[in-house]
Amino acid sequence: MKRTILLITILMLCGFLVAQSRLAYIGMSAILPGSGEIALGKTNRGIVMIAADLLVAYSYFKTDNELDLQREQYRKYANVYAGVPEDMPLSHYQSVQEYISSEDYNDYLEMIARNYYLISNYDPEGYAEFLQSESFSSEEMWAWQSAAHWENYKDMRKTHQKTKINHTLTVGLLLLNRAISIVDTAILSRNLHLYARPSGMDGMMLNCELRF
């Protein structure tokens, strides 16, 4: 009876250790895809996943650096050729891209506000409040020196947007690679078997086997 209880206790302990080992392999894959596979003996598969992850990680840092450089570039360009203050929020540069000048934007806004607040609803107070809150002030004004400068700025912004999309894709690929490796490692580690068999006259041998 004591031997049976001892055997059950040992089996439970070893089962816990196996479960902990599975979690360790899965954790390795979450940190570095492919490392869990290598630890489980799937060297070639692991190396391929690590190489893929390093390639994507390189693209991530490359596009991240490009985003900073491009952002600094179009800010300085807008400052020199349109008079945009360099400390403006990023949302402001979208308006600078869409309108050749802040005056052009304010004129368009005034036309929209007049149609809604004065013609459709006749709300002079609402009209004044809307223009006060939504129009660009003198500190926020800009005017492109020429249409060519404006077009160059648009191209710079489009390039920046494409880089941002590529950067987002690298983040998705990094997460996807980890998800694939975690699932792969979880499946591989299921082949970790624990069993006991008699050994000699009165003994019991405990075996741990990893099948590939």
N, C-alpha and C. Protein backbone atom coordinates (compact mmCIF):
# COMPACT_ATOMS: atom_id res chain seq x y z
N MET A 1 0.84 -1.21 0.00
CA MET A 1 0.00 0.00 0.00
C MET A 1 0.87 1.26 0.00
N LYS A 2 1.91 1.24 0.87
CA LYS A 2 2.81 2.38 0.94
C LYS A 2 3.53 2.57 -0.39
N ARG A 3 3.91 1.41 -1.00
CA ARG A 3 4.61 1.48 -2.28
C ARG A 3 3.72 2.09 -3.35
N THR A 4 2.44 1.73 -3.33
CA THR A 4 1.49 2.27 -4.31
C THR A 4 1.32 3.77 -4.13
N ILE A 5 1.19 4.20 -2.88
CA ILE A 5 1.05 5.63 -2.60
C ILE A 5 2.29 6.38 -3.04
N LEU A 6 3.47 5.78 -2.77
CA LEU A 6 4.73 6.41 -3.17
C LEU A 6 4.82 6.52 -4.69
N LEU A 7 4.39 5.46 -5.39
CA LEU A 7 4.43 5.47 -6.85
C LEU A 7 3.52 6.54 -7.41
N ILE A 8 2.31 6.63 -6.85
CA ILE A 8 1.35 7.65 -7.31
C ILE A 8 1.91 9.05 -7.08
N THR A 9 2.54 9.24 -5.92
CA THR A 9 3.13 10.54 -5.61
C THR A 9 4.23 10.90 -6.60
N ILE A 10 5.09 9.89 -6.90
CA ILE A 10 6.18 10.13 -7.86
C ILE A 10 5.63 10.44 -9.24
N LEU A 11 4.60 9.70 -9.65
CA LEU A 11 3.99 9.95 -10.96
C LEU A 11 3.39 11.34 -11.05
N MET A 12 2.73 11.76 -9.98
CA MET A 12 2.14 13.10 -9.95
C MET A 12 3.23 14.16 -10.02
N LEU A 13 4.32 13.93 -9.28
CA LEU A 13 5.42 14.89 -9.29
C LEU A 13 6.06 14.97 -10.68
N CYS A 14 6.29 13.82 -11.29
CA CYS A 14 6.90 13.81 -12.62
C CYS A 14 5.96 14.42 -13.66
N GLY A 15 4.67 14.14 -13.50
CA GLY A 15 3.70 14.75 -14.41
C GLY A 15 3.72 16.26 -14.31
N PHE A 16 3.88 16.75 -13.08
CA PHE A 16 3.98 18.20 -12.88
C PHE A 16 5.24 18.75 -13.55
N LEU A 17 6.35 18.00 -13.41
CA LEU A 17 7.60 18.43 -14.03
C LEU A 17 7.50 18.45 -15.55
N VAL A 18 6.82 17.44 -16.10
CA VAL A 18 6.62 17.41 -17.55
C VAL A 18 5.80 18.61 -18.00
N ALA A 19 4.74 18.91 -17.23
CA ALA A 19 3.90 20.07 -17.56
C ALA A 19 4.71 21.35 -17.50
N GLN A 20 5.57 21.44 -16.48
CA GLN A 20 6.42 22.62 -16.37
C GLN A 20 7.39 22.71 -17.54
N SER A 21 7.89 21.55 -17.98
CA SER A 21 8.80 21.53 -19.14
C SER A 21 8.08 22.02 -20.39
N ARG A 22 6.83 21.61 -20.57
CA ARG A 22 6.05 22.06 -21.72
C ARG A 22 5.89 23.57 -21.69
N LEU A 23 5.58 24.10 -20.51
CA LEU A 23 5.43 25.54 -20.39
C LEU A 23 6.74 26.26 -20.68
N ALA A 24 7.86 25.64 -20.26
CA ALA A 24 9.16 26.25 -20.53
C ALA A 24 9.44 26.29 -22.03
N TYR A 25 9.14 25.20 -22.74
CA TYR A 25 9.34 25.17 -24.19
C TYR A 25 8.46 26.21 -24.88
N ILE A 26 7.20 26.27 -24.44
CA ILE A 26 6.27 27.23 -25.04
C ILE A 26 6.73 28.66 -24.76
N GLY A 27 7.21 28.89 -23.53
CA GLY A 27 7.72 30.22 -23.18
C GLY A 27 8.92 30.61 -24.03
N MET A 28 9.79 29.64 -24.30
CA MET A 28 10.94 29.90 -25.18
C MET A 28 10.49 30.32 -26.57
N SER A 29 9.47 29.65 -27.08
CA SER A 29 8.95 29.96 -28.42
C SER A 29 8.29 31.33 -28.46
N ALA A 30 7.68 31.73 -27.34
CA ALA A 30 7.04 33.05 -27.28
C ALA A 30 8.09 34.15 -27.31
N ILE A 31 9.24 33.90 -26.69
CA ILE A 31 10.31 34.90 -26.67
C ILE A 31 11.08 34.90 -27.98
N LEU A 32 11.51 33.72 -28.42
CA LEU A 32 12.25 33.60 -29.67
C LEU A 32 11.71 32.41 -30.45
N PRO A 33 10.88 32.65 -31.46
CA PRO A 33 10.32 31.55 -32.25
C PRO A 33 11.41 30.64 -32.79
N GLY A 34 11.20 29.34 -32.62
CA GLY A 34 12.17 28.36 -33.09
C GLY A 34 13.03 27.79 -31.98
N SER A 35 13.20 28.53 -30.89
CA SER A 35 14.04 28.05 -29.79
C SER A 35 13.40 26.86 -29.09
N GLY A 36 12.07 26.87 -28.97
CA GLY A 36 11.38 25.73 -28.37
C GLY A 36 11.51 24.49 -29.22
N GLU A 37 11.42 24.66 -30.54
CA GLU A 37 11.58 23.52 -31.45
C GLU A 37 12.99 22.93 -31.35
N ILE A 38 13.99 23.80 -31.27
CA ILE A 38 15.37 23.31 -31.15
C ILE A 38 15.56 22.54 -29.85
N ALA A 39 14.98 23.06 -28.76
CA ALA A 39 15.09 22.37 -27.47
C ALA A 39 14.41 21.00 -27.50
N LEU A 40 13.40 20.86 -28.36
CA LEU A 40 12.69 19.59 -28.48
C LEU A 40 13.29 18.69 -29.56
N GLY A 41 14.39 19.10 -30.14
CA GLY A 41 15.08 18.25 -31.09
C GLY A 41 14.79 18.54 -32.55
N LYS A 42 13.89 19.46 -32.84
CA LYS A 42 13.57 19.82 -34.22
C LYS A 42 14.47 20.97 -34.66
N THR A 43 15.74 20.65 -34.86
CA THR A 43 16.75 21.68 -35.09
C THR A 43 16.52 22.44 -36.39
N ASN A 44 16.32 21.74 -37.48
CA ASN A 44 16.16 22.41 -38.78
C ASN A 44 14.95 23.33 -38.78
N ARG A 45 13.84 22.84 -38.24
CA ARG A 45 12.63 23.65 -38.19
C ARG A 45 12.86 24.89 -37.32
N GLY A 46 13.54 24.69 -36.20
CA GLY A 46 13.80 25.81 -35.31
C GLY A 46 14.70 26.86 -35.93
N ILE A 47 15.73 26.41 -36.65
CA ILE A 47 16.65 27.35 -37.28
C ILE A 47 15.93 28.19 -38.33
N VAL A 48 15.05 27.57 -39.10
CA VAL A 48 14.29 28.30 -40.11
C VAL A 48 13.42 29.37 -39.46
N MET A 49 12.77 29.04 -38.36
CA MET A 49 11.89 30.00 -37.69
C MET A 49 12.69 31.13 -37.06
N ILE A 50 13.85 30.81 -36.49
CA ILE A 50 14.70 31.85 -35.91
C ILE A 50 15.20 32.80 -37.00
N ALA A 51 15.64 32.23 -38.13
CA ALA A 51 16.13 33.05 -39.24
C ALA A 51 15.03 33.97 -39.76
N ALA A 52 13.81 33.43 -39.89
CA ALA A 52 12.69 34.24 -40.36
C ALA A 52 12.38 35.37 -39.38
N ASP A 53 12.44 35.06 -38.09
CA ASP A 53 12.13 36.07 -37.08
C ASP A 53 13.19 37.16 -37.06
N LEU A 54 14.45 36.79 -37.21
CA LEU A 54 15.52 37.79 -37.24
C LEU A 54 15.39 38.69 -38.46
N LEU A 55 14.97 38.13 -39.58
CA LEU A 55 14.78 38.92 -40.80
C LEU A 55 13.65 39.93 -40.62
N VAL A 56 12.55 39.48 -40.03
CA VAL A 56 11.42 40.38 -39.79
C VAL A 56 11.79 41.43 -38.75
N ALA A 57 12.53 41.03 -37.72
CA ALA A 57 12.95 41.97 -36.68
C ALA A 57 13.85 43.06 -37.28
N TYR A 58 14.72 42.67 -38.21
CA TYR A 58 15.56 43.66 -38.89
C TYR A 58 14.69 44.66 -39.66
N SER A 59 13.67 44.15 -40.35
CA SER A 59 12.76 45.03 -41.09
C SER A 59 12.00 45.95 -40.15
N TYR A 60 11.65 45.45 -38.98
CA TYR A 60 10.93 46.26 -37.99
C TYR A 60 11.78 47.46 -37.56
N PHE A 61 13.02 47.20 -37.17
CA PHE A 61 13.88 48.29 -36.70
C PHE A 61 14.26 49.22 -37.85
N LYS A 62 14.41 48.67 -39.04
CA LYS A 62 14.74 49.50 -40.20
C LYS A 62 13.61 50.47 -40.52
N THR A 63 12.38 49.97 -40.58
CA THR A 63 11.24 50.84 -40.89
C THR A 63 10.97 51.82 -39.74
N ASP A 64 11.23 51.40 -38.51
CA ASP A 64 11.05 52.29 -37.36
C ASP A 64 12.00 53.48 -37.46
N ASN A 65 13.23 53.21 -37.84
CA ASN A 65 14.21 54.28 -38.02
C ASN A 65 13.84 55.17 -39.20
N GLU A 66 13.36 54.56 -40.28
CA GLU A 66 12.95 55.33 -41.45
C GLU A 66 11.77 56.26 -41.12
N LEU A 67 10.86 55.80 -40.30
CA LEU A 67 9.71 56.63 -39.91
C LEU A 67 10.17 57.89 -39.19
N ASP A 68 11.12 57.75 -38.28
CA ASP A 68 11.64 58.91 -37.56
C ASP A 68 12.31 59.89 -38.51
N LEU A 69 13.12 59.37 -39.42
CA LEU A 69 13.83 60.24 -40.37
C LEU A 69 12.86 60.94 -41.32
N GLN A 70 11.87 60.21 -41.82
CA GLN A 70 10.90 60.79 -42.75
C GLN A 70 10.04 61.84 -42.05
N ARG A 71 9.67 61.57 -40.81
CA ARG A 71 8.87 62.53 -40.05
C ARG A 71 9.63 63.83 -39.84
N GLU A 72 10.89 63.70 -39.48
CA GLU A 72 11.73 64.88 -39.30
C GLU A 72 11.91 65.63 -40.63
N GLN A 73 12.02 64.88 -41.71
CA GLN A 73 12.24 65.48 -43.02
C GLN A 73 11.04 66.30 -43.48
N TYR A 74 9.82 65.72 -43.38
CA TYR A 74 8.67 66.48 -43.89
C TYR A 74 8.30 67.63 -42.96
N ARG A 75 8.64 67.52 -41.68
CA ARG A 75 8.41 68.64 -40.77
C ARG A 75 9.30 69.83 -41.12
N LYS A 76 10.57 69.55 -41.36
CA LYS A 76 11.49 70.63 -41.73
C LYS A 76 11.11 71.22 -43.08
N TYR A 77 10.69 70.37 -44.01
CA TYR A 77 10.30 70.85 -45.33
C TYR A 77 9.08 71.77 -45.23
N ALA A 78 8.10 71.39 -44.42
CA ALA A 78 6.91 72.21 -44.25
C ALA A 78 7.24 73.52 -43.55
N ASN A 79 8.21 73.49 -42.67
CA ASN A 79 8.62 74.71 -41.97
C ASN A 79 9.29 75.69 -42.93
N VAL A 80 10.16 75.17 -43.80
CA VAL A 80 10.92 76.03 -44.71
C VAL A 80 10.05 76.57 -45.84
N TYR A 81 9.21 75.73 -46.43
CA TYR A 81 8.48 76.11 -47.64
C TYR A 81 7.01 76.47 -47.43
N ALA A 82 6.52 76.28 -46.20
CA ALA A 82 5.12 76.67 -45.94
C ALA A 82 4.97 77.46 -44.65
N GLY A 83 6.06 77.60 -43.90
CA GLY A 83 6.00 78.37 -42.66
C GLY A 83 5.31 77.66 -41.51
N VAL A 84 5.26 76.34 -41.56
CA VAL A 84 4.61 75.57 -40.48
C VAL A 84 5.56 75.50 -39.29
N PRO A 85 5.12 75.92 -38.10
CA PRO A 85 5.97 75.79 -36.91
C PRO A 85 6.35 74.32 -36.67
N GLU A 86 7.60 74.07 -36.27
CA GLU A 86 8.08 72.69 -36.12
C GLU A 86 7.49 71.97 -34.92
N ASP A 87 6.89 72.69 -34.00
CA ASP A 87 6.36 72.05 -32.79
C ASP A 87 4.87 71.70 -32.91
N MET A 88 4.33 71.70 -34.11
CA MET A 88 2.91 71.39 -34.30
C MET A 88 2.65 69.90 -34.12
N PRO A 89 1.44 69.52 -33.65
CA PRO A 89 1.10 68.10 -33.51
C PRO A 89 1.04 67.41 -34.87
N LEU A 90 1.17 66.09 -34.86
CA LEU A 90 1.19 65.33 -36.12
C LEU A 90 -0.09 65.51 -36.92
N SER A 91 -1.23 65.65 -36.23
CA SER A 91 -2.51 65.81 -36.94
C SER A 91 -2.53 67.08 -37.80
N HIS A 92 -1.77 68.08 -37.39
CA HIS A 92 -1.74 69.34 -38.14
C HIS A 92 -1.14 69.14 -39.53
N TYR A 93 -0.19 68.22 -39.64
CA TYR A 93 0.49 68.02 -40.91
C TYR A 93 -0.40 67.34 -41.95
N GLN A 94 -1.47 66.70 -41.49
CA GLN A 94 -2.44 66.15 -42.43
C GLN A 94 -3.20 67.28 -43.13
N SER A 95 -3.57 68.30 -42.36
CA SER A 95 -4.25 69.47 -42.95
C SER A 95 -3.32 70.21 -43.90
N VAL A 96 -2.05 70.29 -43.53
CA VAL A 96 -1.05 70.94 -44.39
C VAL A 96 -0.92 70.19 -45.71
N GLN A 97 -1.15 68.89 -45.67
CA GLN A 97 -1.11 68.08 -46.89
C GLN A 97 -2.35 68.30 -47.75
N GLU A 98 -3.48 68.50 -47.13
CA GLU A 98 -4.75 68.57 -47.86
C GLU A 98 -5.08 69.96 -48.40
N TYR A 99 -4.52 71.00 -47.80
CA TYR A 99 -4.84 72.38 -48.21
C TYR A 99 -3.55 73.15 -48.48
N ILE A 100 -3.56 73.96 -49.52
CA ILE A 100 -2.37 74.70 -49.91
C ILE A 100 -2.05 75.81 -48.92
N SER A 101 -3.04 76.24 -48.15
CA SER A 101 -2.81 77.26 -47.13
C SER A 101 -3.88 77.15 -46.05
N SER A 102 -3.57 77.71 -44.89
CA SER A 102 -4.56 77.72 -43.81
C SER A 102 -5.72 78.65 -44.16
N GLU A 103 -5.45 79.67 -44.95
CA GLU A 103 -6.52 80.56 -45.39
C GLU A 103 -7.51 79.81 -46.27
N ASP A 104 -6.99 78.97 -47.15
CA ASP A 104 -7.85 78.16 -48.01
C ASP A 104 -8.72 77.22 -47.17
N TYR A 105 -8.11 76.65 -46.13
CA TYR A 105 -8.87 75.77 -45.23
C TYR A 105 -9.95 76.56 -44.50
N ASN A 106 -9.59 77.72 -43.96
CA ASN A 106 -10.56 78.53 -43.21
C ASN A 106 -11.70 79.01 -44.10
N ASP A 107 -11.40 79.34 -45.35
CA ASP A 107 -12.45 79.76 -46.28
C ASP A 107 -13.43 78.62 -46.54
N TYR A 108 -12.89 77.42 -46.72
CA TYR A 108 -13.75 76.25 -46.95
C TYR A 108 -14.59 75.97 -45.71
N LEU A 109 -13.98 76.08 -44.53
CA LEU A 109 -14.71 75.84 -43.29
C LEU A 109 -15.82 76.87 -43.09
N GLU A 110 -15.54 78.10 -43.44
CA GLU A 110 -16.53 79.16 -43.31
C GLU A 110 -17.72 78.91 -44.23
N MET A 111 -17.46 78.43 -45.45
CA MET A 111 -18.54 78.14 -46.38
C MET A 111 -19.44 77.02 -45.84
N ILE A 112 -18.82 75.96 -45.31
CA ILE A 112 -19.59 74.86 -44.74
C ILE A 112 -20.41 75.33 -43.56
N ALA A 113 -19.78 76.12 -42.68
CA ALA A 113 -20.47 76.61 -41.49
C ALA A 113 -21.62 77.54 -41.86
N ARG A 114 -21.43 78.38 -42.87
CA ARG A 114 -22.48 79.30 -43.28
C ARG A 114 -23.70 78.53 -43.81
N ASN A 115 -23.44 77.51 -44.61
CA ASN A 115 -24.55 76.72 -45.14
C ASN A 115 -25.34 76.03 -44.04
N TYR A 116 -24.64 75.56 -43.02
CA TYR A 116 -25.32 74.79 -41.97
C TYR A 116 -25.94 75.69 -40.91
N TYR A 117 -25.13 76.65 -40.39
CA TYR A 117 -25.58 77.44 -39.24
C TYR A 117 -26.43 78.65 -39.62
N LEU A 118 -26.24 79.19 -40.82
CA LEU A 118 -26.96 80.41 -41.17
C LEU A 118 -28.08 80.17 -42.18
N ILE A 119 -27.84 79.30 -43.15
CA ILE A 119 -28.86 79.06 -44.17
C ILE A 119 -29.85 77.98 -43.74
N SER A 120 -29.33 76.85 -43.28
CA SER A 120 -30.21 75.73 -42.93
C SER A 120 -30.87 75.91 -41.57
N ASN A 121 -30.13 76.39 -40.56
CA ASN A 121 -30.66 76.45 -39.19
C ASN A 121 -30.74 77.85 -38.61
N TYR A 122 -30.05 78.77 -39.18
CA TYR A 122 -29.92 80.15 -38.69
C TYR A 122 -29.61 80.19 -37.19
N ASP A 123 -28.34 79.91 -36.92
CA ASP A 123 -27.83 79.91 -35.54
C ASP A 123 -26.53 80.72 -35.53
N PRO A 124 -26.63 82.05 -35.47
CA PRO A 124 -25.44 82.90 -35.52
C PRO A 124 -24.43 82.59 -34.42
N GLU A 125 -24.94 82.29 -33.22
CA GLU A 125 -24.03 81.98 -32.12
C GLU A 125 -23.27 80.68 -32.39
N GLY A 126 -23.99 79.68 -32.87
CA GLY A 126 -23.34 78.41 -33.21
C GLY A 126 -22.32 78.60 -34.32
N TYR A 127 -22.66 79.46 -35.27
CA TYR A 127 -21.76 79.76 -36.39
C TYR A 127 -20.45 80.36 -35.88
N ALA A 128 -20.57 81.35 -35.00
CA ALA A 128 -19.39 82.02 -34.46
C ALA A 128 -18.56 81.07 -33.60
N GLU A 129 -19.23 80.27 -32.78
CA GLU A 129 -18.51 79.32 -31.91
C GLU A 129 -17.78 78.26 -32.73
N PHE A 130 -18.43 77.80 -33.78
CA PHE A 130 -17.82 76.77 -34.62
C PHE A 130 -16.55 77.30 -35.29
N LEU A 131 -16.64 78.48 -35.87
CA LEU A 131 -15.47 79.05 -36.53
C LEU A 131 -14.35 79.34 -35.54
N GLN A 132 -14.74 79.77 -34.33
CA GLN A 132 -13.74 80.07 -33.31
C GLN A 132 -12.96 78.83 -32.91
N SER A 133 -13.66 77.71 -32.81
CA SER A 133 -13.02 76.48 -32.32
C SER A 133 -12.33 75.68 -33.42
N GLU A 134 -12.83 75.77 -34.66
CA GLU A 134 -12.32 74.91 -35.72
C GLU A 134 -11.36 75.59 -36.70
N SER A 135 -11.40 76.90 -36.77
CA SER A 135 -10.50 77.61 -37.70
C SER A 135 -9.08 77.62 -37.17
N PHE A 136 -8.13 77.71 -38.08
CA PHE A 136 -6.73 77.82 -37.68
C PHE A 136 -6.42 79.26 -37.28
N SER A 137 -5.71 79.40 -36.17
CA SER A 137 -5.35 80.72 -35.67
C SER A 137 -4.11 81.23 -36.39
N SER A 138 -3.70 82.44 -36.05
CA SER A 138 -2.51 83.03 -36.68
C SER A 138 -1.24 82.25 -36.34
N GLU A 139 -1.22 81.60 -35.15
CA GLU A 139 -0.06 80.80 -34.75
C GLU A 139 0.02 79.48 -35.51
N GLU A 140 -1.09 79.08 -36.13
CA GLU A 140 -1.14 77.80 -36.83
C GLU A 140 -1.16 77.95 -38.35
N MET A 141 -1.01 79.15 -38.83
CA MET A 141 -1.18 79.41 -40.26
C MET A 141 0.00 78.89 -41.08
N TRP A 142 -0.28 78.58 -42.33
CA TRP A 142 0.75 78.16 -43.29
C TRP A 142 0.30 78.56 -44.69
N ALA A 143 1.24 78.62 -45.59
CA ALA A 143 0.95 78.88 -47.01
C ALA A 143 2.12 78.37 -47.83
N TRP A 144 1.85 77.44 -48.72
CA TRP A 144 2.91 76.88 -49.55
C TRP A 144 3.40 77.91 -50.55
N GLN A 145 4.72 77.94 -50.74
CA GLN A 145 5.32 78.92 -51.66
C GLN A 145 4.90 78.67 -53.10
N SER A 146 4.67 77.40 -53.44
CA SER A 146 4.25 77.08 -54.80
C SER A 146 3.53 75.73 -54.79
N ALA A 147 2.81 75.46 -55.86
CA ALA A 147 2.12 74.17 -55.98
C ALA A 147 3.13 73.03 -56.06
N ALA A 148 4.30 73.31 -56.64
CA ALA A 148 5.34 72.27 -56.75
C ALA A 148 5.84 71.85 -55.37
N HIS A 149 6.05 72.84 -54.49
CA HIS A 149 6.48 72.51 -53.13
C HIS A 149 5.40 71.70 -52.41
N TRP A 150 4.18 72.08 -52.64
CA TRP A 150 3.06 71.36 -52.02
C TRP A 150 3.02 69.91 -52.50
N GLU A 151 3.21 69.70 -53.79
CA GLU A 151 3.20 68.34 -54.34
C GLU A 151 4.37 67.51 -53.80
N ASN A 152 5.53 68.15 -53.66
CA ASN A 152 6.68 67.44 -53.09
C ASN A 152 6.38 66.98 -51.66
N TYR A 153 5.73 67.86 -50.93
CA TYR A 153 5.35 67.52 -49.55
C TYR A 153 4.37 66.35 -49.53
N LYS A 154 3.42 66.37 -50.45
CA LYS A 154 2.46 65.27 -50.53
C LYS A 154 3.17 63.95 -50.79
N ASP A 155 4.15 63.97 -51.69
CA ASP A 155 4.91 62.76 -51.99
C ASP A 155 5.67 62.26 -50.76
N MET A 156 6.23 63.19 -50.00
CA MET A 156 6.95 62.82 -48.78
C MET A 156 6.01 62.17 -47.78
N ARG A 157 4.83 62.72 -47.66
CA ARG A 157 3.83 62.18 -46.73
C ARG A 157 3.35 60.80 -47.18
N LYS A 158 3.17 60.62 -48.49
CA LYS A 158 2.74 59.32 -49.00
C LYS A 158 3.80 58.26 -48.75
N THR A 159 5.06 58.63 -48.95
CA THR A 159 6.15 57.70 -48.66
C THR A 159 6.16 57.33 -47.19
N HIS A 160 5.91 58.32 -46.35
CA HIS A 160 5.85 58.07 -44.91
C HIS A 160 4.72 57.12 -44.56
N GLN A 161 3.57 57.28 -45.20
CA GLN A 161 2.43 56.41 -44.94
C GLN A 161 2.72 54.97 -45.38
N LYS A 162 3.40 54.82 -46.51
CA LYS A 162 3.76 53.47 -46.98
C LYS A 162 4.72 52.80 -46.01
N THR A 163 5.67 53.57 -45.51
CA THR A 163 6.62 53.03 -44.53
C THR A 163 5.89 52.63 -43.25
N LYS A 164 4.91 53.43 -42.87
CA LYS A 164 4.14 53.12 -41.66
C LYS A 164 3.36 51.81 -41.83
N ILE A 165 2.81 51.60 -43.03
CA ILE A 165 2.09 50.36 -43.31
C ILE A 165 3.04 49.17 -43.24
N ASN A 166 4.22 49.32 -43.85
CA ASN A 166 5.21 48.24 -43.81
C ASN A 166 5.66 47.95 -42.38
N HIS A 167 5.79 49.01 -41.59
CA HIS A 167 6.18 48.85 -40.19
C HIS A 167 5.12 48.07 -39.41
N THR A 168 3.86 48.41 -39.67
CA THR A 168 2.76 47.70 -39.02
C THR A 168 2.73 46.23 -39.43
N LEU A 169 3.03 45.97 -40.70
CA LEU A 169 3.07 44.59 -41.19
C LEU A 169 4.15 43.78 -40.48
N THR A 170 5.30 44.40 -40.23
CA THR A 170 6.37 43.68 -39.53
C THR A 170 5.95 43.32 -38.12
N VAL A 171 5.21 44.21 -37.47
CA VAL A 171 4.70 43.89 -36.12
C VAL A 171 3.78 42.69 -36.18
N GLY A 172 2.89 42.68 -37.18
CA GLY A 172 1.98 41.55 -37.34
C GLY A 172 2.71 40.25 -37.62
N LEU A 173 3.77 40.33 -38.44
CA LEU A 173 4.55 39.12 -38.76
C LEU A 173 5.30 38.61 -37.55
N LEU A 174 5.82 39.51 -36.72
CA LEU A 174 6.51 39.09 -35.50
C LEU A 174 5.55 38.35 -34.57
N LEU A 175 4.34 38.88 -34.44
CA LEU A 175 3.35 38.22 -33.58
C LEU A 175 2.90 36.89 -34.18
N LEU A 176 2.71 36.87 -35.51
CA LEU A 176 2.28 35.64 -36.18
C LEU A 176 3.33 34.55 -36.05
N ASN A 177 4.59 34.91 -36.22
CA ASN A 177 5.67 33.92 -36.11
C ASN A 177 5.71 33.32 -34.72
N ARG A 178 5.48 34.14 -33.70
CA ARG A 178 5.45 33.63 -32.33
C ARG A 178 4.24 32.74 -32.09
N ALA A 179 3.11 33.11 -32.63
CA ALA A 179 1.91 32.29 -32.47
C ALA A 179 2.10 30.91 -33.11
N ILE A 180 2.69 30.91 -34.31
CA ILE A 180 2.93 29.63 -35.00
C ILE A 180 3.90 28.77 -34.21
N SER A 181 4.96 29.38 -33.70
CA SER A 181 5.96 28.62 -32.95
C SER A 181 5.39 28.09 -31.64
N ILE A 182 4.54 28.88 -30.99
CA ILE A 182 3.92 28.43 -29.74
C ILE A 182 3.05 27.21 -29.98
N VAL A 183 2.21 27.27 -31.02
CA VAL A 183 1.34 26.14 -31.35
C VAL A 183 2.17 24.93 -31.74
N ASP A 184 3.21 25.16 -32.55
CA ASP A 184 4.07 24.06 -32.99
C ASP A 184 4.76 23.40 -31.80
N THR A 185 5.28 24.20 -30.89
CA THR A 185 5.96 23.67 -29.70
C THR A 185 4.98 22.93 -28.80
N ALA A 186 3.77 23.46 -28.67
CA ALA A 186 2.77 22.79 -27.84
C ALA A 186 2.43 21.42 -28.40
N ILE A 187 2.34 21.32 -29.73
CA ILE A 187 2.05 20.02 -30.35
C ILE A 187 3.22 19.06 -30.19
N LEU A 188 4.44 19.55 -30.42
CA LEU A 188 5.62 18.70 -30.28
C LEU A 188 5.80 18.21 -28.85
N SER A 189 5.56 19.09 -27.89
CA SER A 189 5.78 18.71 -26.50
C SER A 189 4.72 17.76 -25.98
N ARG A 190 3.64 17.57 -26.73
CA ARG A 190 2.64 16.56 -26.34
C ARG A 190 3.21 15.16 -26.48
N ASN A 191 4.26 15.02 -27.25
CA ASN A 191 4.90 13.71 -27.43
C ASN A 191 5.86 13.37 -26.29
N LEU A 192 5.86 14.21 -25.25
CA LEU A 192 6.67 13.92 -24.07
C LEU A 192 5.89 12.97 -23.18
N HIS A 193 6.33 11.72 -23.08
CA HIS A 193 5.57 10.68 -22.39
C HIS A 193 6.27 10.27 -21.10
N LEU A 194 5.44 9.95 -20.13
CA LEU A 194 5.92 9.48 -18.83
C LEU A 194 5.24 8.16 -18.52
N TYR A 195 6.03 7.12 -18.20
CA TYR A 195 5.42 5.83 -17.87
C TYR A 195 6.32 5.09 -16.90
N ALA A 196 5.74 4.08 -16.24
CA ALA A 196 6.47 3.27 -15.26
C ALA A 196 6.35 1.81 -15.64
N ARG A 197 7.40 1.05 -15.29
CA ARG A 197 7.38 -0.38 -15.57
C ARG A 197 8.16 -1.10 -14.46
N PRO A 198 7.84 -2.35 -14.24
CA PRO A 198 8.53 -3.11 -13.19
C PRO A 198 10.01 -3.22 -13.51
N SER A 199 10.83 -3.25 -12.45
CA SER A 199 12.27 -3.40 -12.59
C SER A 199 12.77 -4.36 -11.52
N GLY A 200 13.18 -5.54 -11.94
CA GLY A 200 13.65 -6.52 -10.97
C GLY A 200 12.51 -7.15 -10.21
N MET A 201 12.79 -7.66 -9.06
CA MET A 201 11.79 -8.37 -8.26
C MET A 201 10.85 -7.41 -7.55
N ASP A 202 11.42 -6.38 -6.94
CA ASP A 202 10.60 -5.50 -6.10
C ASP A 202 10.66 -4.04 -6.53
N GLY A 203 11.27 -3.76 -7.66
CA GLY A 203 11.47 -2.36 -8.04
C GLY A 203 10.51 -1.89 -9.12
N MET A 204 10.57 -0.62 -9.36
CA MET A 204 9.75 0.02 -10.39
C MET A 204 10.61 1.07 -11.08
N MET A 205 10.65 1.02 -12.41
CA MET A 205 11.47 1.97 -13.17
C MET A 205 10.56 3.04 -13.78
N LEU A 206 10.94 4.29 -13.57
CA LEU A 206 10.19 5.42 -14.11
C LEU A 206 10.92 5.92 -15.35
N ASN A 207 10.20 6.03 -16.46
CA ASN A 207 10.80 6.43 -17.73
C ASN A 207 10.14 7.69 -18.27
N CYS A 208 10.96 8.54 -18.83
CA CYS A 208 10.46 9.74 -19.51
C CYS A 208 10.97 9.69 -20.94
N GLU A 209 10.06 9.71 -21.90
CA GLU A 209 10.43 9.53 -23.31
C GLU A 209 9.89 10.68 -24.14
N LEU A 210 10.72 11.19 -25.02
CA LEU A 210 10.30 12.22 -25.97
C LEU A 210 10.36 11.61 -27.36
N ARG A 211 9.18 11.47 -28.00
CA ARG A 211 9.11 10.83 -29.31
C ARG A 211 9.09 11.88 -30.41
N PHE A 212 9.81 11.57 -31.49
CA PHE A 212 9.87 12.49 -32.65
C PHE A 212 9.34 11.79 -33.88
